[in-house]
C-alpha atoms as a PDB file:
ATOM      1  CA  UNK A   1      49.255 139.486 104.196  1.00  0.00           C
ATOM      2  CA  UNK A   2      50.294 140.182 107.689  1.00  0.00           C
ATOM      3  CA  UNK A   3      52.915 142.116 109.703  1.00  0.00           C
ATOM      4  CA  UNK A   4      54.894 139.102 110.237  1.00  0.00           C
ATOM      5  CA  UNK A   5      54.710 138.379 106.679  1.00  0.00           C
ATOM      6  CA  UNK A   6      56.474 141.545 105.506  1.00  0.00           C
ATOM      7  CA  UNK A   7      59.779 141.554 107.516  1.00  0.00           C
ATOM      8  CA  UNK A   8      60.185 137.765 107.690  1.00  0.00           C
ATOM      9  CA  UNK A   9      62.507 137.662 104.837  1.00  0.00           C
ATOM     10  CA  UNK A  10      64.186 140.913 105.617  1.00  0.00           C
ATOM     11  CA  UNK A  11      68.052 141.246 106.837  1.00  0.00           C
ATOM     12  CA  UNK A  12      68.696 140.985 110.267  1.00  0.00           C
ATOM     13  CA  UNK A  13      69.370 144.147 112.066  1.00  0.00           C
ATOM     14  CA  UNK A  14      72.089 144.949 114.241  1.00  0.00           C
ATOM     15  CA  UNK A  15      70.223 144.274 117.450  1.00  0.00           C
ATOM     16  CA  UNK A  16      68.945 141.223 116.350  1.00  0.00           C
ATOM     17  CA  UNK A  17      72.874 139.705 115.427  1.00  0.00           C
ATOM     18  CA  UNK A  18      73.982 140.717 119.046  1.00  0.00           C
ATOM     19  CA  UNK A  19      71.002 138.299 120.231  1.00  0.00           C
ATOM     20  CA  UNK A  20      72.006 135.628 118.343  1.00  0.00           C
ATOM     21  CA  UNK A  21      75.645 136.036 119.022  1.00  0.00           C
ATOM     22  CA  UNK A  22      76.710 133.040 121.108  1.00  0.00           C
ATOM     23  CA  UNK A  23      77.669 133.734 125.204  1.00  0.00           C
ATOM     24  CA  UNK A  24      81.349 132.554 125.733  1.00  0.00           C
ATOM     25  CA  UNK A  25      81.162 129.997 128.161  1.00  0.00           C
ATOM     26  CA  UNK A  26      83.873 129.250 130.918  1.00  0.00           C
ATOM     27  CA  UNK A  27      84.767 125.620 129.580  1.00  0.00           C
ATOM     28  CA  UNK A  28      85.250 127.798 126.279  1.00  0.00           C
ATOM     29  CA  UNK A  29      88.437 129.527 127.905  1.00  0.00           C
ATOM     30  CA  UNK A  30      92.072 128.292 127.170  1.00  0.00           C
ATOM     31  CA  UNK A  31      93.411 127.039 130.628  1.00  0.00           C
ATOM     32  CA  UNK A  32      95.645 129.475 132.410  1.00  0.00           C
ATOM     33  CA  UNK A  33      98.998 129.174 131.301  1.00  0.00           C
ATOM     34  CA  UNK A  34     101.575 127.827 134.133  1.00  0.00           C
ATOM     35  CA  UNK A  35     105.557 128.706 133.375  1.00  0.00           C
ATOM     36  CA  UNK A  36     107.079 124.766 133.647  1.00  0.00           C
ATOM     37  CA  UNK A  37     110.066 125.268 136.363  1.00  0.00           C
ATOM     38  CA  UNK A  38     113.329 123.228 136.205  1.00  0.00           C
ATOM     39  CA  UNK A  39     112.570 120.973 139.299  1.00  0.00           C
ATOM     40  CA  UNK A  40     109.389 120.004 137.091  1.00  0.00           C
ATOM     41  CA  UNK A  41     111.203 119.174 134.191  1.00  0.00           C
ATOM     42  CA  UNK A  42     113.819 116.572 136.335  1.00  0.00           C
ATOM     43  CA  UNK A  43     110.776 114.741 137.258  1.00  0.00           C
ATOM     44  CA  UNK A  44     108.770 114.394 134.424  1.00  0.00           C
ATOM     45  CA  UNK A  45     109.179 111.107 132.547  1.00  0.00           C
ATOM     46  CA  UNK A  46     109.022 112.628 129.155  1.00  0.00           C
ATOM     47  CA  UNK A  47     110.977 109.725 127.327  1.00  0.00           C
ATOM     48  CA  UNK A  48     107.900 107.669 125.450  1.00  0.00           C
ATOM     49  CA  UNK A  49     108.459 103.585 124.645  1.00  0.00           C
ATOM     50  CA  UNK A  50     106.757 101.163 123.107  1.00  0.00           C
ATOM     51  CA  UNK A  51     106.660  97.369 122.509  1.00  0.00           C
ATOM     52  CA  UNK A  52     107.865  96.409 119.151  1.00  0.00           C
ATOM     53  CA  UNK A  53     106.988  92.834 118.638  1.00  0.00           C
ATOM     54  CA  UNK A  54     109.739  91.251 116.996  1.00  0.00           C
ATOM     55  CA  UNK A  55     108.747  87.385 115.968  1.00  0.00           C
ATOM     56  CA  UNK A  56     112.136  86.908 113.679  1.00  0.00           C
ATOM     57  CA  UNK A  57     113.893  87.372 116.777  1.00  0.00           C
ATOM     58  CA  UNK A  58     112.411  84.473 118.958  1.00  0.00           C
ATOM     59  CA  UNK A  59     114.316  81.458 120.019  1.00  0.00           C
ATOM     60  CA  UNK A  60     113.703  78.906 116.623  1.00  0.00           C
ATOM     61  CA  UNK A  61     110.516  76.987 117.490  1.00  0.00           C
ATOM     62  CA  UNK A  62     108.972  78.511 120.362  1.00  0.00           C
ATOM     63  CA  UNK A  63     105.352  78.341 119.912  1.00  0.00           C
ATOM     64  CA  UNK A  64     104.742  81.566 121.903  1.00  0.00           C
ATOM     65  CA  UNK A  65     107.573  83.389 119.201  1.00  0.00           C
ATOM     66  CA  UNK A  66     104.805  86.296 118.473  1.00  0.00           C
ATOM     67  CA  UNK A  67     105.362  87.552 122.405  1.00  0.00           C
ATOM     68  CA  UNK A  68     109.119  88.695 121.260  1.00  0.00           C
ATOM     69  CA  UNK A  69     109.981  92.108 120.915  1.00  0.00           C
ATOM     70  CA  UNK A  70     111.856  94.832 122.486  1.00  0.00           C
ATOM     71  CA  UNK A  71     111.192  98.630 123.651  1.00  0.00           C
ATOM     72  CA  UNK A  72     111.620 101.429 121.430  1.00  0.00           C
ATOM     73  CA  UNK A  73     112.368 104.247 122.937  1.00  0.00           C
ATOM     74  CA  UNK A  74     112.754 108.031 121.874  1.00  0.00           C
ATOM     75  CA  UNK A  75     115.885 109.583 121.902  1.00  0.00           C
ATOM     76  CA  UNK A  76     117.126 112.241 124.475  1.00  0.00           C
ATOM     77  CA  UNK A  77     118.423 115.390 123.507  1.00  0.00           C
ATOM     78  CA  UNK A  78     122.205 114.208 124.066  1.00  0.00           C
ATOM     79  CA  UNK A  79     121.395 110.544 122.337  1.00  0.00           C
ATOM     80  CA  UNK A  80     119.962 112.714 119.251  1.00  0.00           C
ATOM     81  CA  UNK A  81     122.968 115.293 119.106  1.00  0.00           C
ATOM     82  CA  UNK A  82     125.401 112.481 118.976  1.00  0.00           C
ATOM     83  CA  UNK A  83     123.303 110.757 115.812  1.00  0.00           C
ATOM     84  CA  UNK A  84     123.206 113.814 114.167  1.00  0.00           C
ATOM     85  CA  UNK A  85     126.945 114.277 114.842  1.00  0.00           C
ATOM     86  CA  UNK A  86     128.038 110.648 114.184  1.00  0.00           C
ATOM     87  CA  UNK A  87     125.867 110.931 110.753  1.00  0.00           C
ATOM     88  CA  UNK A  88     127.084 114.350 109.602  1.00  0.00           C
ATOM     89  CA  UNK A  89     129.939 112.933 107.084  1.00  0.00           C
ATOM     90  CA  UNK A  90     132.164 115.239 105.118  1.00  0.00           C
ATOM     91  CA  UNK A  91     131.978 114.121 101.474  1.00  0.00           C
ATOM     92  CA  UNK A  92     135.489 114.493  99.490  1.00  0.00           C
ATOM     93  CA  UNK A  93     133.828 117.062  97.077  1.00  0.00           C
ATOM     94  CA  UNK A  94     133.370 118.908 100.554  1.00  0.00           C
ATOM     95  CA  UNK A  95     129.350 118.241 100.471  1.00  0.00           C
ATOM     96  CA  UNK A  96     127.978 116.863 103.772  1.00  0.00           C
ATOM     97  CA  UNK A  97     126.078 113.626 103.941  1.00  0.00           C
ATOM     98  CA  UNK A  98     124.390 111.148 105.846  1.00  0.00           C
ATOM     99  CA  UNK A  99     126.193 107.838 107.075  1.00  0.00           C
ATOM    100  CA  UNK A 100     123.260 105.193 107.168  1.00  0.00           C
ATOM    101  CA  UNK A 101     125.131 102.628 109.007  1.00  0.00           C
ATOM    102  CA  UNK A 102     126.369 105.016 111.563  1.00  0.00           C
ATOM    103  CA  UNK A 103     122.900 106.321 112.298  1.00  0.00           C
ATOM    104  CA  UNK A 104     121.423 103.118 112.411  1.00  0.00           C
ATOM    105  CA  UNK A 105     123.950 101.582 114.978  1.00  0.00           C
ATOM    106  CA  UNK A 106     123.226 104.729 117.052  1.00  0.00           C
ATOM    107  CA  UNK A 107     119.734 104.520 116.473  1.00  0.00           C
ATOM    108  CA  UNK A 108     119.545 100.647 117.829  1.00  0.00           C
ATOM    109  CA  UNK A 109     122.023 101.474 120.869  1.00  0.00           C
ATOM    110  CA  UNK A 110     120.303 104.562 121.669  1.00  0.00           C
ATOM    111  CA  UNK A 111     116.957 103.335 120.886  1.00  0.00           C
ATOM    112  CA  UNK A 112     116.628  99.939 122.419  1.00  0.00           C
ATOM    113  CA  UNK A 113     115.844  99.166 125.873  1.00  0.00           C
ATOM    114  CA  UNK A 114     114.799  96.343 128.299  1.00  0.00           C
ATOM    115  CA  UNK A 115     112.025  96.434 130.515  1.00  0.00           C
ATOM    116  CA  UNK A 116     113.622  98.657 133.444  1.00  0.00           C
ATOM    117  CA  UNK A 117     114.493 101.245 131.027  1.00  0.00           C
ATOM    118  CA  UNK A 118     118.242  99.545 130.619  1.00  0.00           C
ATOM    119  CA  UNK A 119     119.960  99.727 127.356  1.00  0.00           C
ATOM    120  CA  UNK A 120     119.333  96.482 125.723  1.00  0.00           C
ATOM    121  CA  UNK A 121     122.384  96.321 123.531  1.00  0.00           C
ATOM    122  CA  UNK A 122     126.258  96.960 124.329  1.00  0.00           C
ATOM    123  CA  UNK A 123     127.871  99.269 122.355  1.00  0.00           C
ATOM    124  CA  UNK A 124     130.304  95.691 120.954  1.00  0.00           C
ATOM    125  CA  UNK A 125     126.875  93.780 119.958  1.00  0.00           C
ATOM    126  CA  UNK A 126     126.156  96.854 117.072  1.00  0.00           C
ATOM    127  CA  UNK A 127     128.217  94.625 114.148  1.00  0.00           C
ATOM    128  CA  UNK A 128     126.123  91.610 115.039  1.00  0.00           C
ATOM    129  CA  UNK A 129     122.649  93.551 114.506  1.00  0.00           C
ATOM    130  CA  UNK A 130     123.516  95.285 111.448  1.00  0.00           C
ATOM    131  CA  UNK A 131     124.158  91.360 110.269  1.00  0.00           C
ATOM    132  CA  UNK A 132     120.706  90.455 111.026  1.00  0.00           C
ATOM    133  CA  UNK A 133     117.365  91.027 108.775  1.00  0.00           C
ATOM    134  CA  UNK A 134     117.006  94.958 107.188  1.00  0.00           C
ATOM    135  CA  UNK A 135     113.460  94.739 107.589  1.00  0.00           C
ATOM    136  CA  UNK A 136     113.415  94.343 111.428  1.00  0.00           C
ATOM    137  CA  UNK A 137     116.050  96.505 111.816  1.00  0.00           C
ATOM    138  CA  UNK A 138     113.928  99.130 109.832  1.00  0.00           C
ATOM    139  CA  UNK A 139     110.776  98.169 112.126  1.00  0.00           C
ATOM    140  CA  UNK A 140     112.879  99.338 115.265  1.00  0.00           C
ATOM    141  CA  UNK A 141     114.401 102.096 113.914  1.00  0.00           C
ATOM    142  CA  UNK A 142     111.226 103.453 112.350  1.00  0.00           C
ATOM    143  CA  UNK A 143     110.106 103.254 115.782  1.00  0.00           C
ATOM    144  CA  UNK A 144     112.837 105.094 117.726  1.00  0.00           C
ATOM    145  CA  UNK A 145     112.928 108.122 114.844  1.00  0.00           C
ATOM    146  CA  UNK A 146     108.880 108.530 115.401  1.00  0.00           C
ATOM    147  CA  UNK A 147     108.898 108.096 119.192  1.00  0.00           C
ATOM    148  CA  UNK A 148     112.372 110.865 118.858  1.00  0.00           C
ATOM    149  CA  UNK A 149     110.482 113.181 116.763  1.00  0.00           C
ATOM    150  CA  UNK A 150     113.371 112.565 114.020  1.00  0.00           C
ATOM    151  CA  UNK A 151     111.424 113.272 110.267  1.00  0.00           C
ATOM    152  CA  UNK A 152     112.378 112.746 106.905  1.00  0.00           C
ATOM    153  CA  UNK A 153     114.269 115.615 106.711  1.00  0.00           C
ATOM    154  CA  UNK A 154     116.450 114.823 109.971  1.00  0.00           C
ATOM    155  CA  UNK A 155     117.531 111.147 108.315  1.00  0.00           C
ATOM    156  CA  UNK A 156     117.855 112.468 104.697  1.00  0.00           C
ATOM    157  CA  UNK A 157     119.203 115.444 104.670  1.00  0.00           C
ATOM    158  CA  UNK A 158     118.152 118.057 101.815  1.00  0.00           C
ATOM    159  CA  UNK A 159     117.157 116.605  98.478  1.00  0.00           C
ATOM    160  CA  UNK A 160     120.394 116.123  97.207  1.00  0.00           C
ATOM    161  CA  UNK A 161     121.937 114.360 100.009  1.00  0.00           C
ATOM    162  CA  UNK A 162     123.753 117.059 101.751  1.00  0.00           C
ATOM    163  CA  UNK A 163     122.727 117.826 105.104  1.00  0.00           C
ATOM    164  CA  UNK A 164     121.113 121.852 105.599  1.00  0.00           C
ATOM    165  CA  UNK A 165     122.521 123.830 108.279  1.00  0.00           C
ATOM    166  CA  UNK A 166     119.107 124.198 109.581  1.00  0.00           C
ATOM    167  CA  UNK A 167     118.530 120.350 109.722  1.00  0.00           C
ATOM    168  CA  UNK A 168     121.001 120.742 112.461  1.00  0.00           C
ATOM    169  CA  UNK A 169     119.083 121.641 115.301  1.00  0.00           C
END
C-alpha cells in the first residue's frame, strides 16, 4: 500500500477546500446600478404592443383573411387606473364587485391601436364592438391584460367576487 492509497479517501483539508473554491470572475459580478432619471423615463418607449390576428373581422370573401388583425397594447398607468375605477361597482349589499362590461369596453378602447399607435376605436364604436364575437373580444382583452401586467386577481377580484383594497394598486 502506498502513501497515496492511504489518504485517497480521507476528507479534504480546509486548505484543499480553499483551493477548490471558484474564484469570482469579472463577468460574474452584477452590473453597476444606475438610477433612472426623469428625462430617461420621458424618452423611453415602454408601452409594448403585439399583433393579434383577427381573420373573423376581415372583409367577407377576402382571400387574405388571415392577414387581418389589430395591435393590442399595454395600458398606461392612467388607463389602468380608469379601468380599475370603472370596474369598481358597489353592489346592493354594499360589497364591491367588478363590472365585466365596463372593463371589457375600456380594454378594447384603450388597448387596441393602429400601426401608428393611435386608438383603433372611438367611444361611439364601443356598443357595436360589444355585439361582436366574444371569442374575438376575449382574444384581444387577454392580450391587453397580459401586456398590461393585469393578473387574474385584478380581473376577478378575490374568491367571492369582491374587490380587495390591496388589488387597487
